């Protein structure tokens, strides 16, 4: 394979006390304080379990801890007050226990972003494409990072129904880069923004596979790319496997995304992801040192 981004116009990513240049990878560990998480079925819903899971993830090599208080898919209504109750105290506790780790909060709500930024969050991970436009203003005010994702215009916590795109990757790229540029115009640092194609959000399996295959186009914009593919439905449907049996498919997809230029990887299995990404980094370095004749 050839380097999909030879132009070198790639921003350094800075979140909290950490920094990533082009070619380095960041691992984001998922901690869900939700009783109905599709993956762990509430294993870290209780505060102590969530804090211990965060500590294990840091010990395993996670660079970023991503804390969520609302299941992404349809389910019981969770108010902003309830979401804050689930995540703000955990953010403060993780910050106290691990001063140097980057803390991310998975939310689309500006009022939640405001509270968690005050509690010590470094990144607001909005998987719903700016459903609440005030979130970028919060990120600018508190100098946090922001994830600019593509969800196909869906309201939060809804599933796609026969989504259609003329050219899915072109539309994803146009949307997230425009979102990122608007965030910069609102005062968010260009070095603290990630773009996320948001696999499965507003996309069917074929579209998520197409986004993966063409991820180099998004990375080629220079914006650092976050991918959240771990155990996603598009992997399960492709392989015919249920949740809990998608580990190998997840690792393969992570490796492809890394090779094509993704910078940050949201995962459930930190050690496995770390090994896979280290292998990709070594292969990439070897290719740079020994280019094909």
C-alpha atoms as a PDB file:
ATOM      1  CA  UNK A   1       0.000   0.000   0.000  1.00  0.00           C
ATOM      2  CA  UNK A   2       1.075   3.589  -0.587  1.00  0.00           C
ATOM      3  CA  UNK A   3       0.850   6.442   1.897  1.00  0.00           C
ATOM      4  CA  UNK A   4      -2.662   7.892   1.370  1.00  0.00           C
ATOM      5  CA  UNK A   5      -1.622  11.355   2.567  1.00  0.00           C
ATOM      6  CA  UNK A   6       1.722  12.412   1.096  1.00  0.00           C
ATOM      7  CA  UNK A   7       1.098  16.156   1.273  1.00  0.00           C
ATOM      8  CA  UNK A   8       1.996  16.520   4.962  1.00  0.00           C
ATOM      9  CA  UNK A   9      -0.774  19.029   5.733  1.00  0.00           C
ATOM     10  CA  UNK A  10      -1.905  17.325   8.918  1.00  0.00           C
ATOM     11  CA  UNK A  11      -2.642  19.151  12.138  1.00  0.00           C
ATOM     12  CA  UNK A  12      -1.043  18.242  15.416  1.00  0.00           C
ATOM     13  CA  UNK A  13      -3.784  17.133  17.815  1.00  0.00           C
ATOM     14  CA  UNK A  14      -3.645  18.582  21.336  1.00  0.00           C
ATOM     15  CA  UNK A  15      -5.996  17.435  24.090  1.00  0.00           C
ATOM     16  CA  UNK A  16      -5.325  18.187  27.736  1.00  0.00           C
ATOM     17  CA  UNK A  17      -1.653  17.517  28.412  1.00  0.00           C
ATOM     18  CA  UNK A  18      -1.267  15.146  25.443  1.00  0.00           C
ATOM     19  CA  UNK A  19      -0.198  15.766  21.869  1.00  0.00           C
ATOM     20  CA  UNK A  20      -0.294  13.575  18.756  1.00  0.00           C
ATOM     21  CA  UNK A  21       1.490  14.290  15.510  1.00  0.00           C
ATOM     22  CA  UNK A  22       0.574  12.731  12.192  1.00  0.00           C
ATOM     23  CA  UNK A  23       1.503   9.053  12.327  1.00  0.00           C
ATOM     24  CA  UNK A  24       0.934   8.609  16.065  1.00  0.00           C
ATOM     25  CA  UNK A  25      -2.144   6.901  17.467  1.00  0.00           C
ATOM     26  CA  UNK A  26      -4.329   7.630  20.465  1.00  0.00           C
ATOM     27  CA  UNK A  27      -6.470   4.986  22.143  1.00  0.00           C
ATOM     28  CA  UNK A  28      -9.789   6.062  23.633  1.00  0.00           C
ATOM     29  CA  UNK A  29     -11.285   3.625  26.153  1.00  0.00           C
ATOM     30  CA  UNK A  30     -15.063   3.460  26.522  1.00  0.00           C
ATOM     31  CA  UNK A  31     -16.603   3.746  29.998  1.00  0.00           C
ATOM     32  CA  UNK A  32     -20.406   3.640  29.913  1.00  0.00           C
ATOM     33  CA  UNK A  33     -22.327   4.680  33.023  1.00  0.00           C
ATOM     34  CA  UNK A  34     -25.483   3.292  31.470  1.00  0.00           C
ATOM     35  CA  UNK A  35     -27.561   0.304  32.598  1.00  0.00           C
ATOM     36  CA  UNK A  36     -28.496  -0.563  29.002  1.00  0.00           C
ATOM     37  CA  UNK A  37     -25.230  -0.332  27.060  1.00  0.00           C
ATOM     38  CA  UNK A  38     -25.364  -2.535  23.959  1.00  0.00           C
ATOM     39  CA  UNK A  39     -21.871  -3.874  24.661  1.00  0.00           C
ATOM     40  CA  UNK A  40     -21.412  -4.406  28.391  1.00  0.00           C
ATOM     41  CA  UNK A  41     -25.068  -4.500  29.498  1.00  0.00           C
ATOM     42  CA  UNK A  42     -24.474  -2.174  32.429  1.00  0.00           C
ATOM     43  CA  UNK A  43     -21.215  -3.625  33.770  1.00  0.00           C
ATOM     44  CA  UNK A  44     -19.886  -0.133  34.549  1.00  0.00           C
ATOM     45  CA  UNK A  45     -23.161   1.612  35.372  1.00  0.00           C
ATOM     46  CA  UNK A  46     -22.280   1.734  39.076  1.00  0.00           C
ATOM     47  CA  UNK A  47     -19.873   4.540  40.037  1.00  0.00           C
ATOM     48  CA  UNK A  48     -17.195   2.377  41.666  1.00  0.00           C
ATOM     49  CA  UNK A  49     -17.177  -0.104  38.799  1.00  0.00           C
ATOM     50  CA  UNK A  50     -16.844   2.726  36.298  1.00  0.00           C
ATOM     51  CA  UNK A  51     -13.958   4.338  38.171  1.00  0.00           C
ATOM     52  CA  UNK A  52     -12.152   1.003  38.489  1.00  0.00           C
ATOM     53  CA  UNK A  53     -12.677   0.337  34.771  1.00  0.00           C
ATOM     54  CA  UNK A  54     -11.177   3.724  33.963  1.00  0.00           C
ATOM     55  CA  UNK A  55      -8.126   2.930  36.081  1.00  0.00           C
ATOM     56  CA  UNK A  56      -7.686  -0.439  34.376  1.00  0.00           C
ATOM     57  CA  UNK A  57      -7.905   1.234  30.989  1.00  0.00           C
ATOM     58  CA  UNK A  58      -5.210   3.735  31.960  1.00  0.00           C
ATOM     59  CA  UNK A  59      -3.029   0.884  33.226  1.00  0.00           C
ATOM     60  CA  UNK A  60      -3.606  -0.962  29.932  1.00  0.00           C
ATOM     61  CA  UNK A  61      -2.342   2.015  27.968  1.00  0.00           C
ATOM     62  CA  UNK A  62      -5.407   4.119  27.157  1.00  0.00           C
ATOM     63  CA  UNK A  63      -4.590   7.729  26.313  1.00  0.00           C
ATOM     64  CA  UNK A  64      -8.190   8.941  26.536  1.00  0.00           C
ATOM     65  CA  UNK A  65     -11.063   7.867  28.773  1.00  0.00           C
ATOM     66  CA  UNK A  66     -14.435   8.428  27.078  1.00  0.00           C
ATOM     67  CA  UNK A  67     -17.265   8.596  29.615  1.00  0.00           C
ATOM     68  CA  UNK A  68     -20.861   8.221  28.485  1.00  0.00           C
ATOM     69  CA  UNK A  69     -24.119   8.565  30.357  1.00  0.00           C
ATOM     70  CA  UNK A  70     -26.676   7.835  27.640  1.00  0.00           C
ATOM     71  CA  UNK A  71     -26.988   4.790  25.400  1.00  0.00           C
ATOM     72  CA  UNK A  72     -26.485   5.770  21.758  1.00  0.00           C
ATOM     73  CA  UNK A  73     -29.474   3.813  20.473  1.00  0.00           C
ATOM     74  CA  UNK A  74     -33.160   4.012  21.354  1.00  0.00           C
ATOM     75  CA  UNK A  75     -34.079   3.253  24.944  1.00  0.00           C
ATOM     76  CA  UNK A  76     -35.370   4.788  28.135  1.00  0.00           C
ATOM     77  CA  UNK A  77     -35.434   8.570  28.203  1.00  0.00           C
ATOM     78  CA  UNK A  78     -32.459  10.094  30.029  1.00  0.00           C
ATOM     79  CA  UNK A  79     -32.816  13.749  30.957  1.00  0.00           C
ATOM     80  CA  UNK A  80     -29.910  16.176  30.917  1.00  0.00           C
ATOM     81  CA  UNK A  81     -30.059  16.253  34.724  1.00  0.00           C
ATOM     82  CA  UNK A  82     -29.810  12.471  34.900  1.00  0.00           C
ATOM     83  CA  UNK A  83     -26.975  12.423  32.366  1.00  0.00           C
ATOM     84  CA  UNK A  84     -25.045  14.996  34.391  1.00  0.00           C
ATOM     85  CA  UNK A  85     -25.606  12.928  37.526  1.00  0.00           C
ATOM     86  CA  UNK A  86     -24.111   9.896  35.796  1.00  0.00           C
ATOM     87  CA  UNK A  87     -21.025  11.510  34.287  1.00  0.00           C
ATOM     88  CA  UNK A  88     -19.923  14.694  36.098  1.00  0.00           C
ATOM     89  CA  UNK A  89     -18.817  13.050  39.354  1.00  0.00           C
ATOM     90  CA  UNK A  90     -16.963  10.339  37.443  1.00  0.00           C
ATOM     91  CA  UNK A  91     -15.122  12.948  35.383  1.00  0.00           C
ATOM     92  CA  UNK A  92     -13.987  14.668  38.588  1.00  0.00           C
ATOM     93  CA  UNK A  93     -12.915  11.373  40.165  1.00  0.00           C
ATOM     94  CA  UNK A  94     -10.954  10.222  37.107  1.00  0.00           C
ATOM     95  CA  UNK A  95      -9.288  13.632  36.891  1.00  0.00           C
ATOM     96  CA  UNK A  96      -8.225  13.408  40.541  1.00  0.00           C
ATOM     97  CA  UNK A  97      -6.936   9.839  40.226  1.00  0.00           C
ATOM     98  CA  UNK A  98      -5.286  10.259  36.803  1.00  0.00           C
ATOM     99  CA  UNK A  99      -4.222  13.900  36.377  1.00  0.00           C
ATOM    100  CA  UNK A 100      -2.549  13.391  32.999  1.00  0.00           C
ATOM    101  CA  UNK A 101      -5.071  11.227  31.178  1.00  0.00           C
ATOM    102  CA  UNK A 102      -7.295  12.907  28.603  1.00  0.00           C
ATOM    103  CA  UNK A 103     -10.946  12.793  29.669  1.00  0.00           C
ATOM    104  CA  UNK A 104     -13.656  12.801  27.025  1.00  0.00           C
ATOM    105  CA  UNK A 105     -17.407  12.887  27.578  1.00  0.00           C
ATOM    106  CA  UNK A 106     -19.766  11.354  25.026  1.00  0.00           C
ATOM    107  CA  UNK A 107     -22.631  13.874  24.870  1.00  0.00           C
ATOM    108  CA  UNK A 108     -24.530  16.011  22.393  1.00  0.00           C
ATOM    109  CA  UNK A 109     -26.003  18.374  25.018  1.00  0.00           C
ATOM    110  CA  UNK A 110     -24.494  21.789  25.725  1.00  0.00           C
ATOM    111  CA  UNK A 111     -25.707  21.826  29.325  1.00  0.00           C
ATOM    112  CA  UNK A 112     -23.920  18.537  29.975  1.00  0.00           C
ATOM    113  CA  UNK A 113     -20.808  19.790  28.219  1.00  0.00           C
ATOM    114  CA  UNK A 114     -20.754  22.874  30.437  1.00  0.00           C
ATOM    115  CA  UNK A 115     -20.816  20.868  33.666  1.00  0.00           C
ATOM    116  CA  UNK A 116     -18.273  18.246  32.626  1.00  0.00           C
ATOM    117  CA  UNK A 117     -15.879  20.866  31.299  1.00  0.00           C
ATOM    118  CA  UNK A 118     -15.978  22.498  34.716  1.00  0.00           C
ATOM    119  CA  UNK A 119     -15.359  19.063  36.273  1.00  0.00           C
ATOM    120  CA  UNK A 120     -12.192  18.520  34.226  1.00  0.00           C
ATOM    121  CA  UNK A 121     -13.157  17.093  30.806  1.00  0.00           C
ATOM    122  CA  UNK A 122     -10.729  17.799  27.953  1.00  0.00           C
ATOM    123  CA  UNK A 123     -12.905  16.693  25.022  1.00  0.00           C
ATOM    124  CA  UNK A 124     -16.610  16.820  24.159  1.00  0.00           C
ATOM    125  CA  UNK A 125     -17.378  13.802  21.991  1.00  0.00           C
ATOM    126  CA  UNK A 126     -20.528  14.619  20.050  1.00  0.00           C
ATOM    127  CA  UNK A 127     -21.467  11.609  17.924  1.00  0.00           C
ATOM    128  CA  UNK A 128     -24.678  13.285  16.684  1.00  0.00           C
ATOM    129  CA  UNK A 129     -23.228  15.830  14.294  1.00  0.00           C
ATOM    130  CA  UNK A 130     -23.920  19.043  16.176  1.00  0.00           C
ATOM    131  CA  UNK A 131     -27.537  18.341  17.114  1.00  0.00           C
ATOM    132  CA  UNK A 132     -27.098  21.044  19.754  1.00  0.00           C
ATOM    133  CA  UNK A 133     -25.104  23.844  18.081  1.00  0.00           C
ATOM    134  CA  UNK A 134     -24.387  25.413  21.486  1.00  0.00           C
ATOM    135  CA  UNK A 135     -21.939  22.595  22.265  1.00  0.00           C
ATOM    136  CA  UNK A 136     -19.229  24.185  20.104  1.00  0.00           C
ATOM    137  CA  UNK A 137     -19.684  27.430  22.039  1.00  0.00           C
ATOM    138  CA  UNK A 138     -19.134  25.505  25.281  1.00  0.00           C
ATOM    139  CA  UNK A 139     -15.994  23.894  23.870  1.00  0.00           C
ATOM    140  CA  UNK A 140     -14.678  27.316  22.888  1.00  0.00           C
ATOM    141  CA  UNK A 141     -15.495  28.856  26.269  1.00  0.00           C
ATOM    142  CA  UNK A 142     -13.735  26.148  28.272  1.00  0.00           C
ATOM    143  CA  UNK A 143     -10.999  25.468  25.701  1.00  0.00           C
ATOM    144  CA  UNK A 144     -11.883  21.813  25.384  1.00  0.00           C
ATOM    145  CA  UNK A 145     -11.608  19.710  22.276  1.00  0.00           C
ATOM    146  CA  UNK A 146     -14.621  18.834  20.135  1.00  0.00           C
ATOM    147  CA  UNK A 147     -15.561  15.863  17.973  1.00  0.00           C
ATOM    148  CA  UNK A 148     -17.311  16.839  14.749  1.00  0.00           C
ATOM    149  CA  UNK A 149     -19.207  13.791  13.501  1.00  0.00           C
ATOM    150  CA  UNK A 150     -21.584  12.864  10.677  1.00  0.00           C
ATOM    151  CA  UNK A 151     -24.881  11.294  11.694  1.00  0.00           C
ATOM    152  CA  UNK A 152     -26.817  11.886   8.494  1.00  0.00           C
ATOM    153  CA  UNK A 153     -29.001  14.532  10.103  1.00  0.00           C
ATOM    154  CA  UNK A 154     -30.642  12.082  12.491  1.00  0.00           C
ATOM    155  CA  UNK A 155     -31.899  13.284  15.878  1.00  0.00           C
ATOM    156  CA  UNK A 156     -29.966  11.774  18.806  1.00  0.00           C
ATOM    157  CA  UNK A 157     -30.741   8.173  19.717  1.00  0.00           C
ATOM    158  CA  UNK A 158     -32.544   7.295  16.500  1.00  0.00           C
ATOM    159  CA  UNK A 159     -31.633   4.566  14.039  1.00  0.00           C
ATOM    160  CA  UNK A 160     -31.347   5.108  10.287  1.00  0.00           C
ATOM    161  CA  UNK A 161     -34.176   3.929   8.055  1.00  0.00           C
ATOM    162  CA  UNK A 162     -33.085   3.224   4.493  1.00  0.00           C
ATOM    163  CA  UNK A 163     -30.425   5.979   4.404  1.00  0.00           C
ATOM    164  CA  UNK A 164     -29.480   7.128   0.917  1.00  0.00           C
ATOM    165  CA  UNK A 165     -26.451   9.079  -0.288  1.00  0.00           C
ATOM    166  CA  UNK A 166     -25.303   9.973  -3.753  1.00  0.00           C
ATOM    167  CA  UNK A 167     -21.702   9.557  -2.619  1.00  0.00           C
ATOM    168  CA  UNK A 168     -21.498   8.684   1.050  1.00  0.00           C
ATOM    169  CA  UNK A 169     -17.838   9.513   1.646  1.00  0.00           C
ATOM    170  CA  UNK A 170     -18.035  12.786  -0.218  1.00  0.00           C
ATOM    171  CA  UNK A 171     -21.042  13.818   1.865  1.00  0.00           C
ATOM    172  CA  UNK A 172     -19.426  12.694   5.130  1.00  0.00           C
ATOM    173  CA  UNK A 173     -16.238  14.622   4.347  1.00  0.00           C
ATOM    174  CA  UNK A 174     -18.077  17.780   3.325  1.00  0.00           C
ATOM    175  CA  UNK A 175     -20.245  17.722   6.435  1.00  0.00           C
ATOM    176  CA  UNK A 176     -17.585  17.112   9.062  1.00  0.00           C
ATOM    177  CA  UNK A 177     -15.056  19.534   7.580  1.00  0.00           C
ATOM    178  CA  UNK A 178     -17.696  22.268   7.425  1.00  0.00           C
ATOM    179  CA  UNK A 179     -18.668  21.454  11.020  1.00  0.00           C
ATOM    180  CA  UNK A 180     -15.000  21.678  12.063  1.00  0.00           C
ATOM    181  CA  UNK A 181     -14.465  24.992  10.292  1.00  0.00           C
ATOM    182  CA  UNK A 182     -17.572  26.462  11.921  1.00  0.00           C
ATOM    183  CA  UNK A 183     -16.304  25.313  15.323  1.00  0.00           C
ATOM    184  CA  UNK A 184     -12.984  27.069  14.702  1.00  0.00           C
ATOM    185  CA  UNK A 185     -14.884  30.213  13.737  1.00  0.00           C
ATOM    186  CA  UNK A 186     -16.678  29.972  17.103  1.00  0.00           C
ATOM    187  CA  UNK A 187     -13.361  29.844  18.939  1.00  0.00           C
ATOM    188  CA  UNK A 188     -12.487  26.140  19.266  1.00  0.00           C
ATOM    189  CA  UNK A 189      -8.790  25.521  18.651  1.00  0.00           C
ATOM    190  CA  UNK A 190      -8.101  23.923  15.282  1.00  0.00           C
ATOM    191  CA  UNK A 191      -5.618  21.659  17.084  1.00  0.00           C
ATOM    192  CA  UNK A 192      -8.315  20.295  19.428  1.00  0.00           C
ATOM    193  CA  UNK A 193     -10.852  19.140  16.845  1.00  0.00           C
ATOM    194  CA  UNK A 194     -11.389  15.576  15.664  1.00  0.00           C
ATOM    195  CA  UNK A 195     -13.613  14.547  12.775  1.00  0.00           C
ATOM    196  CA  UNK A 196     -15.576  11.300  12.983  1.00  0.00           C
ATOM    197  CA  UNK A 197     -17.335   9.590  10.061  1.00  0.00           C
ATOM    198  CA  UNK A 198     -19.531   7.923  12.705  1.00  0.00           C
ATOM    199  CA  UNK A 199     -19.881   4.366  11.437  1.00  0.00           C
ATOM    200  CA  UNK A 200     -23.478   3.080  11.751  1.00  0.00           C
ATOM    201  CA  UNK A 201     -24.818   6.544  12.661  1.00  0.00           C
ATOM    202  CA  UNK A 202     -27.154   7.442   9.810  1.00  0.00           C
ATOM    203  CA  UNK A 203     -25.604   4.681   7.713  1.00  0.00           C
ATOM    204  CA  UNK A 204     -26.358   1.113   6.787  1.00  0.00           C
ATOM    205  CA  UNK A 205     -23.738  -1.642   6.711  1.00  0.00           C
ATOM    206  CA  UNK A 206     -22.741  -1.099   3.083  1.00  0.00           C
ATOM    207  CA  UNK A 207     -22.295   2.637   3.702  1.00  0.00           C
ATOM    208  CA  UNK A 208     -20.200   2.043   6.818  1.00  0.00           C
ATOM    209  CA  UNK A 209     -17.995  -0.367   4.866  1.00  0.00           C
ATOM    210  CA  UNK A 210     -17.639   2.209   2.084  1.00  0.00           C
ATOM    211  CA  UNK A 211     -16.640   4.865   4.613  1.00  0.00           C
ATOM    212  CA  UNK A 212     -14.005   2.484   5.976  1.00  0.00           C
ATOM    213  CA  UNK A 213     -12.625   1.644   2.532  1.00  0.00           C
ATOM    214  CA  UNK A 214     -12.320   5.322   1.633  1.00  0.00           C
ATOM    215  CA  UNK A 215     -11.201   6.654   5.022  1.00  0.00           C
ATOM    216  CA  UNK A 216      -7.993   7.975   3.479  1.00  0.00           C
ATOM    217  CA  UNK A 217     -10.058  10.658   1.761  1.00  0.00           C
ATOM    218  CA  UNK A 218     -11.209  12.008   5.119  1.00  0.00           C
ATOM    219  CA  UNK A 219      -7.729  11.738   6.659  1.00  0.00           C
ATOM    220  CA  UNK A 220      -6.380  13.558   3.631  1.00  0.00           C
ATOM    221  CA  UNK A 221      -8.227  16.721   4.672  1.00  0.00           C
ATOM    222  CA  UNK A 222      -5.677  17.164   7.459  1.00  0.00           C
ATOM    223  CA  UNK A 223      -8.204  17.032  10.285  1.00  0.00           C
ATOM    224  CA  UNK A 224      -7.355  14.296  12.826  1.00  0.00           C
ATOM    225  CA  UNK A 225      -9.796  11.408  12.360  1.00  0.00           C
ATOM    226  CA  UNK A 226     -11.503   9.545  15.201  1.00  0.00           C
ATOM    227  CA  UNK A 227     -13.023   6.159  14.438  1.00  0.00           C
ATOM    228  CA  UNK A 228     -15.473   4.377  16.717  1.00  0.00           C
ATOM    229  CA  UNK A 229     -15.910   0.966  15.127  1.00  0.00           C
ATOM    230  CA  UNK A 230     -15.552  -1.422  18.070  1.00  0.00           C
ATOM    231  CA  UNK A 231     -18.194  -4.156  17.975  1.00  0.00           C
ATOM    232  CA  UNK A 232     -20.406  -2.046  15.723  1.00  0.00           C
ATOM    233  CA  UNK A 233     -23.370  -3.543  13.905  1.00  0.00           C
ATOM    234  CA  UNK A 234     -21.782  -3.161  10.464  1.00  0.00           C
ATOM    235  CA  UNK A 235     -19.021  -5.534  11.574  1.00  0.00           C
ATOM    236  CA  UNK A 236     -21.538  -7.950  13.063  1.00  0.00           C
ATOM    237  CA  UNK A 237     -23.733  -7.945   9.980  1.00  0.00           C
ATOM    238  CA  UNK A 238     -20.757  -8.368   7.652  1.00  0.00           C
ATOM    239  CA  UNK A 239     -19.489 -11.384   9.586  1.00  0.00           C
ATOM    240  CA  UNK A 240     -22.839 -12.723  10.759  1.00  0.00           C
ATOM    241  CA  UNK A 241     -21.820 -12.406  14.403  1.00  0.00           C
ATOM    242  CA  UNK A 242     -23.605 -11.054  17.487  1.00  0.00           C
ATOM    243  CA  UNK A 243     -22.235  -8.551  20.000  1.00  0.00           C
ATOM    244  CA  UNK A 244     -19.501 -10.212  22.044  1.00  0.00           C
ATOM    245  CA  UNK A 245     -18.150 -12.190  19.080  1.00  0.00           C
ATOM    246  CA  UNK A 246     -16.841  -9.344  16.937  1.00  0.00           C
ATOM    247  CA  UNK A 247     -13.359  -8.925  18.422  1.00  0.00           C
ATOM    248  CA  UNK A 248     -11.423 -10.167  15.386  1.00  0.00           C
ATOM    249  CA  UNK A 249     -13.542  -8.114  12.999  1.00  0.00           C
ATOM    250  CA  UNK A 250     -13.019  -5.070  15.186  1.00  0.00           C
ATOM    251  CA  UNK A 251      -9.231  -5.474  15.214  1.00  0.00           C
ATOM    252  CA  UNK A 252      -9.133  -5.937  11.431  1.00  0.00           C
ATOM    253  CA  UNK A 253     -11.208  -2.789  10.932  1.00  0.00           C
ATOM    254  CA  UNK A 254      -9.057  -0.803  13.358  1.00  0.00           C
ATOM    255  CA  UNK A 255      -5.934  -1.821  11.466  1.00  0.00           C
ATOM    256  CA  UNK A 256      -7.407  -0.793   8.114  1.00  0.00           C
ATOM    257  CA  UNK A 257      -8.495   2.566   9.533  1.00  0.00           C
ATOM    258  CA  UNK A 258      -5.063   3.131  11.073  1.00  0.00           C
ATOM    259  CA  UNK A 259      -3.307   2.339   7.801  1.00  0.00           C
ATOM    260  CA  UNK A 260      -5.584   4.788   5.996  1.00  0.00           C
ATOM    261  CA  UNK A 261      -4.785   7.605   8.397  1.00  0.00           C
ATOM    262  CA  UNK A 262      -7.112   7.537  11.415  1.00  0.00           C
ATOM    263  CA  UNK A 263      -5.508   9.075  14.486  1.00  0.00           C
ATOM    264  CA  UNK A 264      -7.723   8.188  17.491  1.00  0.00           C
ATOM    265  CA  UNK A 265      -9.551   4.895  18.095  1.00  0.00           C
ATOM    266  CA  UNK A 266     -12.515   4.453  20.449  1.00  0.00           C
ATOM    267  CA  UNK A 267     -12.354   0.869  21.740  1.00  0.00           C
ATOM    268  CA  UNK A 268     -13.544  -1.564  24.395  1.00  0.00           C
ATOM    269  CA  UNK A 269     -10.435  -3.769  24.430  1.00  0.00           C
ATOM    270  CA  UNK A 270      -7.462  -1.482  25.066  1.00  0.00           C
ATOM    271  CA  UNK A 271      -4.627  -4.084  25.120  1.00  0.00           C
ATOM    272  CA  UNK A 272      -5.735  -5.702  21.850  1.00  0.00           C
ATOM    273  CA  UNK A 273      -6.105  -2.334  20.160  1.00  0.00           C
ATOM    274  CA  UNK A 274      -2.701  -1.211  21.432  1.00  0.00           C
ATOM    275  CA  UNK A 275      -1.011  -4.312  19.973  1.00  0.00           C
ATOM    276  CA  UNK A 276      -2.773  -3.981  16.625  1.00  0.00           C
ATOM    277  CA  UNK A 277      -1.971  -0.284  16.289  1.00  0.00           C
ATOM    278  CA  UNK A 278       1.647  -0.821  17.295  1.00  0.00           C
ATOM    279  CA  UNK A 279       1.930  -3.388  14.508  1.00  0.00           C
ATOM    280  CA  UNK A 280       0.461  -0.909  11.994  1.00  0.00           C
ATOM    281  CA  UNK A 281       2.856   1.801  13.182  1.00  0.00           C
ATOM    282  CA  UNK A 282       5.845  -0.531  12.766  1.00  0.00           C
ATOM    283  CA  UNK A 283       4.712  -1.575   9.278  1.00  0.00           C
ATOM    284  CA  UNK A 284       4.242   2.048   8.295  1.00  0.00           C
ATOM    285  CA  UNK A 285       7.678   2.982   9.613  1.00  0.00           C
ATOM    286  CA  UNK A 286       9.253   0.072   7.762  1.00  0.00           C
ATOM    287  CA  UNK A 287       7.576   1.174   4.539  1.00  0.00           C
ATOM    288  CA  UNK A 288       8.926   4.704   4.990  1.00  0.00           C
ATOM    289  CA  UNK A 289      12.450   3.430   5.539  1.00  0.00           C
ATOM    290  CA  UNK A 290      12.307   0.910   2.703  1.00  0.00           C
ATOM    291  CA  UNK A 291      10.009   2.254  -0.035  1.00  0.00           C
ATOM    292  CA  UNK A 292       9.163  -0.046  -2.886  1.00  0.00           C
ATOM    293  CA  UNK A 293      11.444   0.417  -5.939  1.00  0.00           C
END
